[in-house]
C-alpha atoms as a PDB file:
ATOM      1  CA  UNK A   1      11.533   5.137  21.558  1.00  0.00           C
ATOM      2  CA  UNK A   2      11.511   5.660  17.752  1.00  0.00           C
ATOM      3  CA  UNK A   3      15.270   6.085  17.821  1.00  0.00           C
ATOM      4  CA  UNK A   4      15.681   2.763  19.680  1.00  0.00           C
ATOM      5  CA  UNK A   5      13.483   0.945  17.125  1.00  0.00           C
ATOM      6  CA  UNK A   6      15.414   2.526  14.259  1.00  0.00           C
ATOM      7  CA  UNK A   7      18.726   1.559  15.859  1.00  0.00           C
ATOM      8  CA  UNK A   8      17.515  -2.032  16.384  1.00  0.00           C
ATOM      9  CA  UNK A   9      16.328  -2.257  12.778  1.00  0.00           C
ATOM     10  CA  UNK A  10      19.669  -0.891  11.573  1.00  0.00           C
ATOM     11  CA  UNK A  11      21.582  -3.446  13.689  1.00  0.00           C
ATOM     12  CA  UNK A  12      19.488  -6.311  12.342  1.00  0.00           C
ATOM     13  CA  UNK A  13      19.934  -5.131   8.749  1.00  0.00           C
ATOM     14  CA  UNK A  14      23.688  -4.780   9.152  1.00  0.00           C
ATOM     15  CA  UNK A  15      23.861  -8.210  10.761  1.00  0.00           C
ATOM     16  CA  UNK A  16      22.029  -9.791   7.853  1.00  0.00           C
ATOM     17  CA  UNK A  17      24.260  -8.022   5.314  1.00  0.00           C
ATOM     18  CA  UNK A  18      27.526  -8.707   7.105  1.00  0.00           C
ATOM     19  CA  UNK A  19      26.871 -12.289   8.144  1.00  0.00           C
ATOM     20  CA  UNK A  20      24.730 -13.666   5.331  1.00  0.00           C
ATOM     21  CA  UNK A  21      27.671 -15.048   3.354  1.00  0.00           C
ATOM     22  CA  UNK A  22      27.632 -18.817   3.254  1.00  0.00           C
ATOM     23  CA  UNK A  23      30.193 -20.324   5.566  1.00  0.00           C
ATOM     24  CA  UNK A  24      32.367 -23.106   4.296  1.00  0.00           C
ATOM     25  CA  UNK A  25      33.495 -25.614   6.834  1.00  0.00           C
ATOM     26  CA  UNK A  26      36.762 -27.384   6.458  1.00  0.00           C
ATOM     27  CA  UNK A  27      38.543 -30.311   7.982  1.00  0.00           C
ATOM     28  CA  UNK A  28      42.143 -31.391   8.359  1.00  0.00           C
ATOM     29  CA  UNK A  29      43.735 -34.441   6.794  1.00  0.00           C
ATOM     30  CA  UNK A  30      47.116 -35.832   7.761  1.00  0.00           C
ATOM     31  CA  UNK A  31      49.078 -37.121   4.783  1.00  0.00           C
ATOM     32  CA  UNK A  32      49.987 -40.798   5.070  1.00  0.00           C
ATOM     33  CA  UNK A  33      52.982 -42.544   3.496  1.00  0.00           C
ATOM     34  CA  UNK A  34      52.157 -43.257  -0.148  1.00  0.00           C
ATOM     35  CA  UNK A  35      49.412 -40.611  -0.411  1.00  0.00           C
ATOM     36  CA  UNK A  36      49.220 -38.489  -3.547  1.00  0.00           C
ATOM     37  CA  UNK A  37      47.246 -35.281  -3.859  1.00  0.00           C
ATOM     38  CA  UNK A  38      45.020 -36.527  -6.694  1.00  0.00           C
ATOM     39  CA  UNK A  39      43.832 -39.494  -4.604  1.00  0.00           C
ATOM     40  CA  UNK A  40      43.250 -37.273  -1.560  1.00  0.00           C
ATOM     41  CA  UNK A  41      41.170 -34.951  -3.763  1.00  0.00           C
ATOM     42  CA  UNK A  42      39.031 -37.853  -5.029  1.00  0.00           C
ATOM     43  CA  UNK A  43      38.495 -39.234  -1.526  1.00  0.00           C
ATOM     44  CA  UNK A  44      37.349 -35.852  -0.258  1.00  0.00           C
ATOM     45  CA  UNK A  45      35.376 -34.730  -3.341  1.00  0.00           C
ATOM     46  CA  UNK A  46      37.435 -31.628  -4.005  1.00  0.00           C
ATOM     47  CA  UNK A  47      39.684 -30.693  -6.926  1.00  0.00           C
ATOM     48  CA  UNK A  48      43.473 -30.709  -6.713  1.00  0.00           C
ATOM     49  CA  UNK A  49      43.408 -27.000  -7.637  1.00  0.00           C
ATOM     50  CA  UNK A  50      41.130 -26.293  -4.661  1.00  0.00           C
ATOM     51  CA  UNK A  51      43.425 -28.225  -2.316  1.00  0.00           C
ATOM     52  CA  UNK A  52      46.365 -26.149  -3.533  1.00  0.00           C
ATOM     53  CA  UNK A  53      44.344 -22.946  -3.162  1.00  0.00           C
ATOM     54  CA  UNK A  54      43.452 -23.764   0.471  1.00  0.00           C
ATOM     55  CA  UNK A  55      46.953 -24.948   1.434  1.00  0.00           C
ATOM     56  CA  UNK A  56      49.742 -22.415   1.018  1.00  0.00           C
ATOM     57  CA  UNK A  57      52.215 -25.100   2.143  1.00  0.00           C
ATOM     58  CA  UNK A  58      51.610 -27.012  -1.109  1.00  0.00           C
ATOM     59  CA  UNK A  59      53.708 -25.281  -3.735  1.00  0.00           C
ATOM     60  CA  UNK A  60      54.119 -28.324  -5.983  1.00  0.00           C
ATOM     61  CA  UNK A  61      51.169 -30.770  -6.298  1.00  0.00           C
ATOM     62  CA  UNK A  62      53.636 -33.615  -6.847  1.00  0.00           C
ATOM     63  CA  UNK A  63      55.336 -33.045  -3.492  1.00  0.00           C
ATOM     64  CA  UNK A  64      53.494 -33.760  -0.244  1.00  0.00           C
ATOM     65  CA  UNK A  65      54.951 -35.366   2.857  1.00  0.00           C
ATOM     66  CA  UNK A  66      53.752 -37.997   5.329  1.00  0.00           C
ATOM     67  CA  UNK A  67      52.639 -36.186   8.463  1.00  0.00           C
ATOM     68  CA  UNK A  68      51.790 -32.980   6.587  1.00  0.00           C
ATOM     69  CA  UNK A  69      48.426 -31.490   7.586  1.00  0.00           C
ATOM     70  CA  UNK A  70      46.170 -30.487   4.685  1.00  0.00           C
ATOM     71  CA  UNK A  71      43.025 -28.388   4.930  1.00  0.00           C
ATOM     72  CA  UNK A  72      40.129 -30.033   3.101  1.00  0.00           C
ATOM     73  CA  UNK A  73      37.466 -27.418   2.272  1.00  0.00           C
ATOM     74  CA  UNK A  74      33.843 -28.473   2.477  1.00  0.00           C
ATOM     75  CA  UNK A  75      32.742 -29.392  -1.035  1.00  0.00           C
ATOM     76  CA  UNK A  76      29.192 -28.767  -2.158  1.00  0.00           C
ATOM     77  CA  UNK A  77      27.669 -31.107  -4.641  1.00  0.00           C
ATOM     78  CA  UNK A  78      25.300 -33.965  -5.074  1.00  0.00           C
ATOM     79  CA  UNK A  79      25.317 -37.581  -6.153  1.00  0.00           C
ATOM     80  CA  UNK A  80      24.565 -38.444  -9.757  1.00  0.00           C
ATOM     81  CA  UNK A  81      24.259 -41.734 -11.581  1.00  0.00           C
ATOM     82  CA  UNK A  82      27.152 -41.497 -14.030  1.00  0.00           C
ATOM     83  CA  UNK A  83      27.533 -43.668 -17.118  1.00  0.00           C
ATOM     84  CA  UNK A  84      29.747 -43.453 -20.207  1.00  0.00           C
ATOM     85  CA  UNK A  85      28.918 -43.282 -23.885  1.00  0.00           C
ATOM     86  CA  UNK A  86      30.724 -43.267 -27.217  1.00  0.00           C
ATOM     87  CA  UNK A  87      30.011 -41.670 -30.592  1.00  0.00           C
ATOM     88  CA  UNK A  88      29.367 -45.097 -32.106  1.00  0.00           C
ATOM     89  CA  UNK A  89      26.263 -47.042 -33.007  1.00  0.00           C
ATOM     90  CA  UNK A  90      26.164 -48.815 -29.627  1.00  0.00           C
ATOM     91  CA  UNK A  91      25.490 -45.474 -27.880  1.00  0.00           C
ATOM     92  CA  UNK A  92      24.011 -43.148 -30.481  1.00  0.00           C
ATOM     93  CA  UNK A  93      22.725 -45.350 -33.281  1.00  0.00           C
ATOM     94  CA  UNK A  94      24.991 -43.428 -35.697  1.00  0.00           C
ATOM     95  CA  UNK A  95      27.728 -44.842 -37.907  1.00  0.00           C
ATOM     96  CA  UNK A  96      30.922 -43.156 -39.145  1.00  0.00           C
ATOM     97  CA  UNK A  97      30.026 -41.251 -42.302  1.00  0.00           C
ATOM     98  CA  UNK A  98      26.721 -40.027 -40.820  1.00  0.00           C
ATOM     99  CA  UNK A  99      26.872 -36.193 -40.868  1.00  0.00           C
ATOM    100  CA  UNK A 100      25.803 -36.132 -37.187  1.00  0.00           C
ATOM    101  CA  UNK A 101      28.381 -38.747 -36.091  1.00  0.00           C
ATOM    102  CA  UNK A 102      30.387 -37.373 -33.158  1.00  0.00           C
ATOM    103  CA  UNK A 103      28.383 -34.146 -33.023  1.00  0.00           C
ATOM    104  CA  UNK A 104      26.726 -33.194 -29.745  1.00  0.00           C
ATOM    105  CA  UNK A 105      23.254 -31.745 -29.244  1.00  0.00           C
ATOM    106  CA  UNK A 106      24.911 -28.339 -28.750  1.00  0.00           C
ATOM    107  CA  UNK A 107      26.666 -28.663 -32.124  1.00  0.00           C
ATOM    108  CA  UNK A 108      30.209 -29.280 -30.852  1.00  0.00           C
ATOM    109  CA  UNK A 109      32.365 -32.277 -31.686  1.00  0.00           C
ATOM    110  CA  UNK A 110      32.640 -34.809 -28.840  1.00  0.00           C
ATOM    111  CA  UNK A 111      35.949 -34.710 -26.985  1.00  0.00           C
ATOM    112  CA  UNK A 112      37.155 -37.184 -24.393  1.00  0.00           C
ATOM    113  CA  UNK A 113      37.843 -35.484 -21.064  1.00  0.00           C
ATOM    114  CA  UNK A 114      35.554 -32.591 -21.962  1.00  0.00           C
ATOM    115  CA  UNK A 115      32.127 -33.659 -23.266  1.00  0.00           C
ATOM    116  CA  UNK A 116      29.365 -34.730 -20.918  1.00  0.00           C
ATOM    117  CA  UNK A 117      25.678 -35.337 -21.604  1.00  0.00           C
ATOM    118  CA  UNK A 118      23.496 -33.656 -18.981  1.00  0.00           C
ATOM    119  CA  UNK A 119      19.798 -33.464 -18.161  1.00  0.00           C
ATOM    120  CA  UNK A 120      17.835 -30.602 -19.716  1.00  0.00           C
ATOM    121  CA  UNK A 121      17.880 -28.736 -16.389  1.00  0.00           C
ATOM    122  CA  UNK A 122      21.591 -28.041 -16.992  1.00  0.00           C
ATOM    123  CA  UNK A 123      22.330 -25.491 -19.692  1.00  0.00           C
ATOM    124  CA  UNK A 124      24.851 -26.216 -22.391  1.00  0.00           C
ATOM    125  CA  UNK A 125      28.190 -24.824 -21.241  1.00  0.00           C
ATOM    126  CA  UNK A 126      27.638 -25.756 -17.571  1.00  0.00           C
ATOM    127  CA  UNK A 127      30.927 -26.854 -15.993  1.00  0.00           C
ATOM    128  CA  UNK A 128      30.665 -30.157 -14.117  1.00  0.00           C
ATOM    129  CA  UNK A 129      33.498 -31.276 -11.844  1.00  0.00           C
ATOM    130  CA  UNK A 130      33.625 -35.012 -11.095  1.00  0.00           C
ATOM    131  CA  UNK A 131      36.248 -35.821  -8.435  1.00  0.00           C
ATOM    132  CA  UNK A 132      36.344 -39.481  -9.517  1.00  0.00           C
ATOM    133  CA  UNK A 133      38.010 -38.315 -12.748  1.00  0.00           C
ATOM    134  CA  UNK A 134      39.631 -35.254 -11.120  1.00  0.00           C
ATOM    135  CA  UNK A 135      38.315 -33.436 -14.161  1.00  0.00           C
ATOM    136  CA  UNK A 136      35.900 -30.676 -15.100  1.00  0.00           C
ATOM    137  CA  UNK A 137      33.645 -31.514 -18.033  1.00  0.00           C
ATOM    138  CA  UNK A 138      31.394 -29.236 -20.094  1.00  0.00           C
ATOM    139  CA  UNK A 139      27.719 -29.985 -20.591  1.00  0.00           C
ATOM    140  CA  UNK A 140      27.540 -30.202 -24.387  1.00  0.00           C
ATOM    141  CA  UNK A 141      25.196 -33.083 -25.080  1.00  0.00           C
ATOM    142  CA  UNK A 142      21.848 -34.648 -24.192  1.00  0.00           C
ATOM    143  CA  UNK A 143      20.851 -38.263 -24.301  1.00  0.00           C
ATOM    144  CA  UNK A 144      17.541 -40.070 -24.379  1.00  0.00           C
ATOM    145  CA  UNK A 145      18.466 -41.926 -21.168  1.00  0.00           C
ATOM    146  CA  UNK A 146      19.918 -38.858 -19.418  1.00  0.00           C
ATOM    147  CA  UNK A 147      17.276 -37.652 -16.992  1.00  0.00           C
ATOM    148  CA  UNK A 148      17.451 -35.675 -13.737  1.00  0.00           C
ATOM    149  CA  UNK A 149      20.216 -37.075 -11.548  1.00  0.00           C
ATOM    150  CA  UNK A 150      22.018 -38.714 -14.489  1.00  0.00           C
ATOM    151  CA  UNK A 151      25.180 -37.771 -16.388  1.00  0.00           C
ATOM    152  CA  UNK A 152      26.818 -39.522 -19.341  1.00  0.00           C
ATOM    153  CA  UNK A 153      30.570 -38.970 -19.831  1.00  0.00           C
ATOM    154  CA  UNK A 154      31.911 -39.238 -23.389  1.00  0.00           C
ATOM    155  CA  UNK A 155      34.692 -41.808 -23.889  1.00  0.00           C
ATOM    156  CA  UNK A 156      36.231 -42.601 -27.257  1.00  0.00           C
ATOM    157  CA  UNK A 157      36.897 -46.270 -26.460  1.00  0.00           C
ATOM    158  CA  UNK A 158      33.896 -48.635 -26.306  1.00  0.00           C
ATOM    159  CA  UNK A 159      35.634 -51.118 -23.999  1.00  0.00           C
ATOM    160  CA  UNK A 160      36.597 -48.318 -21.613  1.00  0.00           C
ATOM    161  CA  UNK A 161      32.997 -47.062 -21.562  1.00  0.00           C
ATOM    162  CA  UNK A 162      31.653 -50.564 -20.879  1.00  0.00           C
ATOM    163  CA  UNK A 163      34.253 -51.154 -18.163  1.00  0.00           C
ATOM    164  CA  UNK A 164      33.295 -47.857 -16.512  1.00  0.00           C
ATOM    165  CA  UNK A 165      29.726 -49.093 -16.227  1.00  0.00           C
ATOM    166  CA  UNK A 166      27.327 -47.280 -13.916  1.00  0.00           C
ATOM    167  CA  UNK A 167      28.590 -45.425 -10.871  1.00  0.00           C
ATOM    168  CA  UNK A 168      26.970 -43.291  -8.182  1.00  0.00           C
ATOM    169  CA  UNK A 169      29.377 -40.358  -7.942  1.00  0.00           C
ATOM    170  CA  UNK A 170      29.583 -37.051  -6.137  1.00  0.00           C
ATOM    171  CA  UNK A 171      29.456 -34.175  -8.628  1.00  0.00           C
ATOM    172  CA  UNK A 172      29.935 -30.423  -8.360  1.00  0.00           C
ATOM    173  CA  UNK A 173      28.476 -27.916 -10.812  1.00  0.00           C
END
């Protein structure tokens, strides 16, 4: 009887160890005429690099064919309210010539396509992938209006930042 209990306990333990890895579901997408991989990645909230990784048939991201079947891995993430900011007075209250102009809360210089202001729950250095931009940003800044569920992407052009506006976007980090 003790042996049977021990064997059952061992089977349960092995089952938990062997099968506790998180499963990632995937789906299939059939390429349509005019599709490009970057747009498919945005539509499905997954990076181009991940699409290439999951699809051995894609050897060149610039070459996909109508009718081709692509595996779309299940992306994990959440929605954030995403806005844009600049280094200028309109966003930071600082003017060129101010020693802190263009300097993030982490001490780095703002860089378009890299710098993002994140809530305090995200450590500086956290990588944040936003499929809308098909880009991975680095959490380097804070902002007085950046609270939980908000992100602020640095853009060097004021008009571009204003045009971007406020968007609810899927984000991975």
